[in-house]
Amino acid sequence: MTYENKFTFLTHHVEILCSSYFHWTGKSFFDEGVIHANAVEALFVAPFAILSHGIEVDPIFNYGNQRALDIFEMSWEEFIALPSRLSAETVNQEERVKLLDAVSRYGYINNYSGIRISKSGRRFMIRDATVWNLMTPEGQFYGQAALIRDWEDL
């Protein structure tokens, strides 16, 4: 993907992340001072983790900000090639499926906690996460995303 195509994708994707989050929660990621043109950069360097996956049969991550990449110990290229189910150990994948099913039914959930695993095998507990459905401006399902506010190594 060329830089120009990547930037166009990221701009579109961040718009969907932000508008879908606002739709479900009534909240914004940013203070009112952050202008739309700076949203891609502001979200990428935010102090919380944001990640999302697409709508494939076995969804693949399609976005992770720097905090998410750091937590999962991956580069951008590694992260966006990872099936999202592999972010949880096999024993925790059933719980993850139940979470995503609930999000599909209700649009979003707050205060989610669960165990995830990084590239090196480090286990960590995410806490106080919000997981929501992503929708295009036309109302089409676009995937799911998570905002992780807190985490702790196990």
C-alpha atoms as a PDB file:
ATOM      1  CA  MET A   1       0.000   0.000   0.000  1.00  0.00           C
ATOM      2  CA  THR A   2       1.434   3.350  -0.968  1.00  0.00           C
ATOM      3  CA  TYR A   3       1.693   6.144   1.572  1.00  0.00           C
ATOM      4  CA  GLU A   4      -1.109   8.049  -0.175  1.00  0.00           C
ATOM      5  CA  ASN A   5      -3.424   5.005  -0.166  1.00  0.00           C
ATOM      6  CA  LYS A   6      -2.568   4.254   3.468  1.00  0.00           C
ATOM      7  CA  PHE A   7      -3.304   7.860   4.462  1.00  0.00           C
ATOM      8  CA  THR A   8      -6.637   7.799   2.582  1.00  0.00           C
ATOM      9  CA  PHE A   9      -7.567   4.507   4.279  1.00  0.00           C
ATOM     10  CA  LEU A  10      -6.555   5.788   7.698  1.00  0.00           C
ATOM     11  CA  THR A  11      -8.505   9.028   7.280  1.00  0.00           C
ATOM     12  CA  HIS A  12     -11.638   7.112   6.254  1.00  0.00           C
ATOM     13  CA  HIS A  13     -11.129   4.470   8.948  1.00  0.00           C
ATOM     14  CA  VAL A  14     -10.533   6.978  11.743  1.00  0.00           C
ATOM     15  CA  GLU A  15     -13.690   8.848  10.691  1.00  0.00           C
ATOM     16  CA  ILE A  16     -15.620   5.573  11.069  1.00  0.00           C
ATOM     17  CA  LEU A  17     -13.935   4.778  14.397  1.00  0.00           C
ATOM     18  CA  CYS A  18     -14.811   8.219  15.767  1.00  0.00           C
ATOM     19  CA  SER A  19     -18.346   8.503  14.386  1.00  0.00           C
ATOM     20  CA  SER A  20     -19.303   4.939  15.402  1.00  0.00           C
ATOM     21  CA  TYR A  21     -17.908   5.440  18.908  1.00  0.00           C
ATOM     22  CA  PHE A  22     -19.913   8.650  19.233  1.00  0.00           C
ATOM     23  CA  HIS A  23     -23.026   6.970  17.814  1.00  0.00           C
ATOM     24  CA  TRP A  24     -22.995   4.191  20.422  1.00  0.00           C
ATOM     25  CA  THR A  25     -21.610   6.025  23.467  1.00  0.00           C
ATOM     26  CA  GLY A  26     -22.392   9.700  22.903  1.00  0.00           C
ATOM     27  CA  LYS A  27     -18.709  10.420  23.658  1.00  0.00           C
ATOM     28  CA  SER A  28     -15.691  11.578  21.702  1.00  0.00           C
ATOM     29  CA  PHE A  29     -12.100  10.366  21.939  1.00  0.00           C
ATOM     30  CA  PHE A  30     -10.857  13.939  21.905  1.00  0.00           C
ATOM     31  CA  ASP A  31     -11.369  17.268  23.585  1.00  0.00           C
ATOM     32  CA  GLU A  32     -13.236  19.801  21.478  1.00  0.00           C
ATOM     33  CA  GLY A  33      -9.910  21.443  20.542  1.00  0.00           C
ATOM     34  CA  VAL A  34      -8.813  18.565  18.291  1.00  0.00           C
ATOM     35  CA  ILE A  35      -9.846  19.414  14.782  1.00  0.00           C
ATOM     36  CA  HIS A  36     -10.945  16.792  12.294  1.00  0.00           C
ATOM     37  CA  ALA A  37      -7.816  17.212  10.156  1.00  0.00           C
ATOM     38  CA  ASN A  38      -5.631  16.128  13.094  1.00  0.00           C
ATOM     39  CA  ALA A  39      -7.759  13.131  14.111  1.00  0.00           C
ATOM     40  CA  VAL A  40      -5.598  10.492  12.370  1.00  0.00           C
ATOM     41  CA  GLU A  41      -2.462  11.601  14.178  1.00  0.00           C
ATOM     42  CA  ALA A  42      -4.211  12.358  17.475  1.00  0.00           C
ATOM     43  CA  LEU A  43      -5.783   8.903  17.608  1.00  0.00           C
ATOM     44  CA  PHE A  44      -2.545   7.165  16.640  1.00  0.00           C
ATOM     45  CA  VAL A  45      -0.593   8.787  19.503  1.00  0.00           C
ATOM     46  CA  ALA A  46      -3.419   8.710  22.081  1.00  0.00           C
ATOM     47  CA  PRO A  47      -2.584   7.499  25.620  1.00  0.00           C
ATOM     48  CA  PHE A  48      -5.174   4.704  25.340  1.00  0.00           C
ATOM     49  CA  ALA A  49      -5.221   1.735  22.967  1.00  0.00           C
ATOM     50  CA  ILE A  50      -7.579   1.627  19.981  1.00  0.00           C
ATOM     51  CA  LEU A  51      -7.814  -1.373  17.710  1.00  0.00           C
ATOM     52  CA  SER A  52     -10.276  -2.735  15.193  1.00  0.00           C
ATOM     53  CA  HIS A  53     -10.940  -5.668  12.929  1.00  0.00           C
ATOM     54  CA  GLY A  54     -12.824  -6.042   9.681  1.00  0.00           C
ATOM     55  CA  ILE A  55     -15.735  -8.196   8.583  1.00  0.00           C
ATOM     56  CA  GLU A  56     -13.882 -11.221   7.213  1.00  0.00           C
ATOM     57  CA  VAL A  57     -15.121 -14.701   8.188  1.00  0.00           C
ATOM     58  CA  ASP A  58     -12.034 -14.860  10.452  1.00  0.00           C
ATOM     59  CA  PRO A  59     -11.671 -11.107  11.151  1.00  0.00           C
ATOM     60  CA  ILE A  60      -8.218  -9.589  10.766  1.00  0.00           C
ATOM     61  CA  PHE A  61      -7.055  -6.516  12.639  1.00  0.00           C
ATOM     62  CA  ASN A  62      -7.114  -3.517  10.339  1.00  0.00           C
ATOM     63  CA  TYR A  63      -6.087  -0.801  12.793  1.00  0.00           C
ATOM     64  CA  GLY A  64      -4.061  -0.424  15.943  1.00  0.00           C
ATOM     65  CA  ASN A  65      -2.777   2.851  17.306  1.00  0.00           C
ATOM     66  CA  GLN A  66       0.739   3.082  18.739  1.00  0.00           C
ATOM     67  CA  ARG A  67      -0.408   2.171  22.260  1.00  0.00           C
ATOM     68  CA  ALA A  68      -2.126  -0.992  20.940  1.00  0.00           C
ATOM     69  CA  LEU A  69       0.959  -1.902  18.903  1.00  0.00           C
ATOM     70  CA  ASP A  70       3.100  -1.456  22.024  1.00  0.00           C
ATOM     71  CA  ILE A  71       0.799  -3.560  24.215  1.00  0.00           C
ATOM     72  CA  PHE A  72       0.677  -6.394  21.692  1.00  0.00           C
ATOM     73  CA  GLU A  73       4.413  -5.978  20.930  1.00  0.00           C
ATOM     74  CA  MET A  74       3.907  -5.793  17.173  1.00  0.00           C
ATOM     75  CA  SER A  75       4.724  -3.581  14.233  1.00  0.00           C
ATOM     76  CA  TRP A  76       1.903  -2.104  12.144  1.00  0.00           C
ATOM     77  CA  GLU A  77       2.572  -4.676   9.415  1.00  0.00           C
ATOM     78  CA  GLU A  78       2.421  -7.604  11.865  1.00  0.00           C
ATOM     79  CA  PHE A  79      -0.703  -6.318  13.580  1.00  0.00           C
ATOM     80  CA  ILE A  80      -2.799  -5.745  10.458  1.00  0.00           C
ATOM     81  CA  ALA A  81      -2.022  -9.286   9.289  1.00  0.00           C
ATOM     82  CA  LEU A  82      -3.172 -10.916  12.542  1.00  0.00           C
ATOM     83  CA  PRO A  83      -6.559 -12.628  12.853  1.00  0.00           C
ATOM     84  CA  SER A  84      -8.080 -10.872  15.862  1.00  0.00           C
ATOM     85  CA  ARG A  85      -8.961 -14.191  17.526  1.00  0.00           C
ATOM     86  CA  LEU A  86      -5.215 -14.766  18.021  1.00  0.00           C
ATOM     87  CA  SER A  87      -5.062 -11.809  20.413  1.00  0.00           C
ATOM     88  CA  ALA A  88      -6.504 -14.192  23.014  1.00  0.00           C
ATOM     89  CA  GLU A  89      -5.054 -17.528  24.071  1.00  0.00           C
ATOM     90  CA  THR A  90      -6.981 -20.559  22.871  1.00  0.00           C
ATOM     91  CA  VAL A  91      -8.485 -21.102  26.338  1.00  0.00           C
ATOM     92  CA  ASN A  92      -9.840 -17.522  26.319  1.00  0.00           C
ATOM     93  CA  GLN A  93     -11.183 -17.463  22.758  1.00  0.00           C
ATOM     94  CA  GLU A  94     -14.656 -18.739  23.708  1.00  0.00           C
ATOM     95  CA  GLU A  95     -15.060 -15.828  26.135  1.00  0.00           C
ATOM     96  CA  ARG A  96     -13.902 -13.451  23.363  1.00  0.00           C
ATOM     97  CA  VAL A  97     -16.512 -14.864  20.958  1.00  0.00           C
ATOM     98  CA  LYS A  98     -19.255 -14.287  23.570  1.00  0.00           C
ATOM     99  CA  LEU A  99     -18.063 -10.693  23.961  1.00  0.00           C
ATOM    100  CA  LEU A 100     -18.197 -10.018  20.226  1.00  0.00           C
ATOM    101  CA  ASP A 101     -21.618 -11.654  19.952  1.00  0.00           C
ATOM    102  CA  ALA A 102     -22.919  -9.359  22.702  1.00  0.00           C
ATOM    103  CA  VAL A 103     -21.468  -6.333  20.905  1.00  0.00           C
ATOM    104  CA  SER A 104     -23.150  -7.460  17.680  1.00  0.00           C
ATOM    105  CA  ARG A 105     -26.508  -7.669  19.492  1.00  0.00           C
ATOM    106  CA  TYR A 106     -26.335  -4.461  21.529  1.00  0.00           C
ATOM    107  CA  GLY A 107     -24.027  -2.244  19.452  1.00  0.00           C
ATOM    108  CA  TYR A 108     -21.435  -1.792  22.189  1.00  0.00           C
ATOM    109  CA  ILE A 109     -20.447  -2.770  25.699  1.00  0.00           C
ATOM    110  CA  ASN A 110     -18.600  -0.880  28.409  1.00  0.00           C
ATOM    111  CA  ASN A 111     -16.340  -2.002  31.224  1.00  0.00           C
ATOM    112  CA  TYR A 112     -15.113  -5.156  29.480  1.00  0.00           C
ATOM    113  CA  SER A 113     -12.204  -7.046  31.050  1.00  0.00           C
ATOM    114  CA  GLY A 114     -10.364 -10.006  29.591  1.00  0.00           C
ATOM    115  CA  ILE A 115      -6.991 -11.668  29.176  1.00  0.00           C
ATOM    116  CA  ARG A 116      -5.002 -11.127  26.001  1.00  0.00           C
ATOM    117  CA  ILE A 117      -1.595 -12.217  24.770  1.00  0.00           C
ATOM    118  CA  SER A 118       1.219 -10.303  23.066  1.00  0.00           C
ATOM    119  CA  LYS A 119       3.531 -11.454  20.285  1.00  0.00           C
ATOM    120  CA  SER A 120       6.157 -12.579  22.821  1.00  0.00           C
ATOM    121  CA  GLY A 121       3.585 -14.622  24.775  1.00  0.00           C
ATOM    122  CA  ARG A 122       3.239 -12.059  27.578  1.00  0.00           C
ATOM    123  CA  ARG A 123      -0.249 -12.296  29.068  1.00  0.00           C
ATOM    124  CA  PHE A 124      -2.050  -9.164  30.178  1.00  0.00           C
ATOM    125  CA  MET A 125      -5.450  -8.249  31.562  1.00  0.00           C
ATOM    126  CA  ILE A 126      -7.342  -5.483  29.813  1.00  0.00           C
ATOM    127  CA  ARG A 127      -9.751  -3.533  31.990  1.00  0.00           C
ATOM    128  CA  ASP A 128     -12.398  -0.892  31.499  1.00  0.00           C
ATOM    129  CA  ALA A 129     -12.567  -1.486  27.744  1.00  0.00           C
ATOM    130  CA  THR A 130     -15.347  -0.376  25.446  1.00  0.00           C
ATOM    131  CA  VAL A 131     -16.049  -2.561  22.422  1.00  0.00           C
ATOM    132  CA  TRP A 132     -18.385  -1.319  19.694  1.00  0.00           C
ATOM    133  CA  ASN A 133     -19.676  -2.011  16.198  1.00  0.00           C
ATOM    134  CA  LEU A 134     -18.271   0.070  13.377  1.00  0.00           C
ATOM    135  CA  MET A 135     -20.769   1.432  10.869  1.00  0.00           C
ATOM    136  CA  THR A 136     -20.198   3.350   7.636  1.00  0.00           C
ATOM    137  CA  PRO A 137     -22.012   6.666   7.127  1.00  0.00           C
ATOM    138  CA  GLU A 138     -24.483   4.671   4.986  1.00  0.00           C
ATOM    139  CA  GLY A 139     -25.234   2.385   7.942  1.00  0.00           C
ATOM    140  CA  GLN A 140     -23.361  -0.695   6.719  1.00  0.00           C
ATOM    141  CA  PHE A 141     -21.583  -2.920   9.247  1.00  0.00           C
ATOM    142  CA  TYR A 142     -17.838  -2.283   8.923  1.00  0.00           C
ATOM    143  CA  GLY A 143     -16.311  -4.319  11.773  1.00  0.00           C
ATOM    144  CA  GLN A 144     -15.728  -3.941  15.485  1.00  0.00           C
ATOM    145  CA  ALA A 145     -13.357  -1.846  17.556  1.00  0.00           C
ATOM    146  CA  ALA A 146     -12.088  -1.636  21.111  1.00  0.00           C
ATOM    147  CA  LEU A 147     -10.867   1.183  23.301  1.00  0.00           C
ATOM    148  CA  ILE A 148      -8.612  -0.168  26.050  1.00  0.00           C
ATOM    149  CA  ARG A 149      -8.161   2.301  28.869  1.00  0.00           C
ATOM    150  CA  ASP A 150      -6.248   0.109  31.321  1.00  0.00           C
ATOM    151  CA  TRP A 151      -4.168  -3.049  31.222  1.00  0.00           C
ATOM    152  CA  GLU A 152      -1.836  -4.936  33.515  1.00  0.00           C
ATOM    153  CA  ASP A 153       0.714  -7.656  32.877  1.00  0.00           C
ATOM    154  CA  LEU A 154      -0.116 -10.975  34.490  1.00  0.00           C
END
